[in-house]
Protein backbone atom coordinates (compact mmCIF):
# COMPACT_ATOMS: atom_id res chain seq x y z
CA MET A 1 147.78 71.15 106.40
CA THR A 2 145.18 73.70 106.09
CA ASP A 3 141.43 73.99 105.35
CA THR A 4 140.28 75.49 102.09
CA VAL A 5 136.61 77.45 101.83
CA SER A 6 134.80 77.06 98.54
CA ALA A 7 133.22 80.10 97.75
CA PRO A 8 129.13 79.49 98.04
CA ALA A 9 127.66 78.75 94.30
CA PRO A 10 125.79 81.86 92.95
CA ALA A 11 122.03 81.66 93.19
CA PRO A 12 120.21 80.43 90.00
CA ALA A 13 119.03 83.19 87.55
CA ASN A 14 115.59 82.40 87.75
CA ALA A 15 115.68 81.53 91.74
CA ALA A 16 112.93 83.18 93.24
CA VAL A 17 113.88 86.47 95.13
CA PRO A 18 112.63 86.36 99.03
CA LEU A 19 110.87 89.49 100.36
CA ARG A 20 109.61 90.52 103.60
CA ILE A 21 106.34 91.95 104.18
CA ASP A 22 105.22 93.47 106.97
CA PHE A 23 101.27 94.13 106.78
CA VAL A 24 100.67 96.86 109.51
CA SER A 25 96.86 97.11 109.90
CA ASP A 26 93.59 96.55 112.07
CA ILE A 27 90.88 93.87 112.24
CA SER A 28 88.27 96.74 111.72
CA CYS A 29 89.74 98.25 109.15
CA PRO A 30 87.89 97.65 105.89
CA TRP A 31 90.58 98.71 103.54
CA CYS A 32 92.88 96.46 105.21
CA ALA A 33 90.94 93.62 104.03
CA ILE A 34 90.94 95.15 100.65
CA GLY A 35 94.70 95.57 100.65
CA LEU A 36 95.48 92.35 101.75
CA GLN A 37 93.16 90.67 99.08
CA SER A 38 95.21 92.78 96.68
CA LEU A 39 98.27 91.89 97.69
CA ASP A 40 97.52 87.95 97.72
CA ARG A 41 96.36 88.82 94.05
CA ALA A 42 99.53 90.44 93.02
CA LEU A 43 101.60 87.80 94.44
CA GLN A 44 99.79 85.00 92.77
CA SER A 45 100.33 86.95 89.49
CA LEU A 46 103.98 87.16 90.49
CA GLY A 47 104.06 83.56 90.66
CA GLY A 48 107.41 81.65 91.31
CA THR A 49 109.69 84.83 91.10
CA VAL A 50 109.41 86.22 94.55
CA GLN A 51 109.24 84.33 97.92
CA ALA A 52 107.09 86.17 100.17
CA GLU A 53 106.90 85.96 103.81
CA VAL A 54 104.48 88.13 105.09
CA HIS A 55 104.18 89.50 108.99
CA PHE A 56 100.97 91.12 110.46
CA GLN A 57 102.31 93.82 112.65
CA PRO A 58 99.52 95.80 115.18
CA PHE A 59 97.94 99.23 114.48
CA GLU A 60 94.81 100.08 116.06
CA LEU A 61 92.45 102.55 114.95
CA ASN A 62 90.48 102.95 118.00
CA PRO A 63 92.74 102.14 121.29
CA ARG A 64 90.46 103.60 123.31
CA MET A 65 87.30 101.88 122.10
CA PRO A 66 85.61 100.53 125.25
CA ALA A 67 84.42 96.47 125.33
CA GLY A 68 81.37 96.20 123.48
CA GLY A 69 82.09 98.69 121.06
CA GLN A 70 80.21 101.37 119.44
CA ASP A 71 77.54 102.07 117.22
CA ILE A 72 79.19 102.01 113.61
CA GLY A 73 77.07 105.15 112.17
CA GLU A 74 77.65 107.09 115.24
CA HIS A 75 81.41 106.57 115.60
CA LEU A 76 82.30 107.96 112.07
CA ALA A 77 80.04 110.75 112.48
CA GLU A 78 82.12 111.54 116.17
CA LYS A 79 85.26 110.86 114.56
CA TYR A 80 85.60 111.92 111.04
CA GLY A 81 82.14 114.14 110.61
CA ALA A 82 80.44 111.67 107.95
CA SER A 83 76.71 112.06 107.36
CA ALA A 84 74.34 108.90 107.67
CA GLU A 85 73.95 109.62 103.78
CA GLN A 86 78.07 109.70 103.42
CA THR A 87 78.62 106.65 105.78
CA VAL A 88 76.21 104.46 103.21
CA GLN A 89 77.98 105.64 100.14
CA THR A 90 81.45 104.82 101.80
CA GLN A 91 80.25 101.10 102.60
CA ARG A 92 78.55 100.52 99.05
CA ALA A 93 82.20 101.41 97.45
CA ILE A 94 83.79 99.28 100.04
CA ALA A 95 81.56 96.26 99.32
CA GLU A 96 82.01 96.81 95.58
CA ARG A 97 85.98 96.48 96.13
CA GLY A 98 85.81 93.81 98.14
CA ALA A 99 83.67 91.58 95.92
CA ALA A 100 85.50 92.71 93.10
CA LEU A 101 88.85 90.89 95.02
CA GLY A 102 86.77 87.98 95.86
CA PHE A 103 86.04 89.00 99.85
CA GLU A 104 82.43 89.58 101.07
CA PHE A 105 81.65 92.52 103.25
CA ARG A 106 78.04 92.20 105.07
CA MET A 107 77.69 95.79 106.08
CA ASP A 108 73.96 94.63 107.32
CA ARG A 109 75.82 92.89 109.84
CA ARG A 110 78.55 94.80 110.96
CA SER A 111 76.72 97.66 112.65
CA ARG A 112 79.21 98.04 115.74
CA ILE A 113 82.97 99.26 115.45
CA TYR A 114 85.17 97.22 118.45
CA ASN A 115 88.16 96.84 120.41
CA THR A 116 90.95 95.11 118.81
CA PHE A 117 93.80 94.68 121.48
CA ASP A 118 93.07 91.39 122.30
CA ALA A 119 92.72 89.88 119.04
CA HIS A 120 96.43 91.60 117.79
CA ARG A 121 97.65 89.94 121.41
CA LEU A 122 96.88 86.83 119.81
CA LEU A 123 98.21 87.58 116.44
CA HIS A 124 101.59 88.47 118.12
CA TRP A 125 101.43 84.99 120.05
CA ALA A 126 100.26 83.08 117.08
CA GLU A 127 103.31 83.64 115.16
CA GLU A 128 105.89 83.51 117.78
CA THR A 129 104.24 80.13 118.46
CA ALA A 130 103.58 78.73 115.24
CA GLY A 131 105.11 81.19 112.43
CA PRO A 132 103.60 83.54 109.97
CA ALA A 133 101.56 80.57 108.15
CA ALA A 134 99.40 80.40 111.46
CA GLN A 135 99.34 84.12 111.70
CA SER A 136 97.95 84.50 108.19
CA ALA A 137 95.37 81.86 108.76
CA LEU A 138 94.37 83.83 112.06
CA LYS A 139 94.24 87.00 110.52
CA ARG A 140 92.33 86.26 107.84
CA ALA A 141 89.73 84.43 109.96
CA LEU A 142 89.39 87.44 111.92
CA PHE A 143 88.45 89.61 108.78
CA HIS A 144 86.04 87.24 107.93
CA ALA A 145 84.55 86.95 111.33
CA TYR A 146 84.00 90.65 111.58
CA PHE A 147 83.51 92.27 107.87
CA THR A 148 81.61 89.23 106.48
CA GLU A 149 79.83 87.78 109.83
CA GLY A 150 79.33 90.45 111.62
CA ARG A 151 81.26 89.25 114.88
CA ASP A 152 82.88 90.85 118.00
CA PRO A 153 86.83 90.51 117.30
CA GLY A 154 87.09 91.58 120.94
CA ASP A 155 84.86 88.33 121.97
CA ARG A 156 87.40 85.87 123.46
CA ALA A 157 85.37 83.21 123.44
CA LEU A 158 84.94 84.04 119.30
CA LEU A 159 89.10 84.49 119.75
CA VAL A 160 89.67 80.94 120.89
CA ARG A 161 87.49 79.33 118.42
CA LEU A 162 89.46 81.17 115.73
CA ALA A 163 92.84 80.35 116.71
CA ALA A 164 91.98 76.80 117.18
CA GLY A 165 90.58 76.97 113.50
CA ALA A 166 93.81 78.31 112.37
CA GLY A 167 95.31 75.33 113.86
CA LEU A 168 96.83 76.69 117.12
CA ASP A 169 96.37 75.62 120.52
CA ALA A 170 92.80 76.51 122.12
CA ALA A 171 93.60 76.32 125.73
CA ARG A 172 96.93 78.07 125.15
CA ALA A 173 95.12 80.91 123.55
CA GLN A 174 92.09 81.07 126.28
CA GLU A 175 95.65 81.21 128.67
CA VAL A 176 97.04 84.01 126.65
CA LEU A 177 94.05 86.21 126.47
CA ASP A 178 92.81 85.87 130.21
CA SER A 179 96.49 87.34 131.14
CA ASP A 180 98.40 90.39 129.61
CA GLU A 181 100.67 88.29 127.74
CA TYR A 182 101.96 90.20 124.67
CA ALA A 183 100.14 93.59 125.64
CA ASP A 184 103.80 95.16 126.05
CA ALA A 185 105.08 93.37 122.55
CA VAL A 186 102.07 94.96 120.95
CA ARG A 187 102.38 98.05 122.29
CA GLU A 188 105.87 98.43 121.53
CA ARG A 189 105.43 97.37 117.75
CA GLU A 190 102.71 99.71 117.43
CA ALA A 191 104.76 102.75 118.81
CA PHE A 192 107.61 101.37 116.87
CA TYR A 193 105.56 102.05 113.40
CA GLN A 194 104.06 105.04 114.63
CA GLN A 195 107.36 106.73 115.91
CA HIS A 196 108.76 105.87 112.15
CA GLY A 197 105.68 107.60 110.62
CA ILE A 198 102.66 105.05 110.03
CA HIS A 199 99.65 106.83 111.20
CA SER A 200 96.81 105.28 108.72
CA VAL A 201 96.69 101.66 107.21
CA PRO A 202 97.31 99.89 105.74
CA ALA A 203 101.09 100.09 105.27
CA VAL A 204 102.82 97.57 103.36
CA ILE A 205 106.59 97.51 103.91
CA VAL A 206 108.60 95.09 102.04
CA ASN A 207 111.92 94.29 103.32
CA GLU A 208 112.30 96.92 106.12
CA ARG A 209 112.78 99.68 103.74
CA HIS A 210 109.93 100.37 101.01
CA LEU A 211 106.58 101.61 101.80
CA ILE A 212 103.23 101.19 99.92
CA GLN A 213 100.90 102.82 101.41
CA GLY A 214 96.76 102.40 101.26
CA GLY A 215 94.21 99.43 99.73
CA GLN A 216 96.04 99.80 96.46
CA PRO A 217 94.65 98.12 93.23
CA PRO A 218 96.22 94.25 92.71
CA GLU A 219 98.28 95.94 89.69
CA VAL A 220 99.90 98.72 92.04
CA PHE A 221 101.32 96.35 94.45
CA GLU A 222 102.41 93.91 91.42
CA GLN A 223 104.56 96.52 89.82
CA ALA A 224 106.30 98.14 93.16
CA LEU A 225 106.94 94.07 94.09
CA ARG A 226 108.55 93.38 90.85
CA GLN A 227 110.37 96.92 91.03
CA ILE A 228 111.84 95.98 94.36
CA ALA A 229 112.56 92.17 93.43
CA ALA A 230 114.66 93.52 90.38
CA GLN A 231 116.69 95.70 92.38
CA ARG A 232 117.93 92.72 94.72
């Protein structure tokens, strides 16, 4: 007697389209926080038409930044040639964009730029240990800690508290930070995206194929995601 294998039933016409979203970003990048808020708005507007799984990938704007960081005005002047007046204007525009999307930038508290490598290591561990939802919770907590509270995202005590707040094991988070765990993995991911042409962030890559660059408005993300979902 031979076994027969039935063909799989077709998916319902109204089934949500699965989308993998790789969100390449840095914790110290304000446009990354804006881009994430915009992406969230777009996904809310799409409702049940897509089922998105967001994976946060590492990118360091300032990989050589020493512990303790650098004054933000000094840093922007050195790196971009920005004057004090230009810096104030840019920060005002960022705060306005954030407020329109429901994210609070407190520029009066954010006076320094910091090294973010340990935070990226912890984010990598969070996804590997507990999955994308836990990683997302930690990423959002990091954005809030830096941009709203003005905290140092390289402060290991802070990182442990944020990990615990995201439902992760605080003792294990401390172990990761006190070691070199995930350092090679983070560097490999950074190198991968740079080798594939990602030199500024945020870079939002959908289904490992479609790139949406920059802190776009929600409607830009929504339109792009609708088009990608329709192709599938």
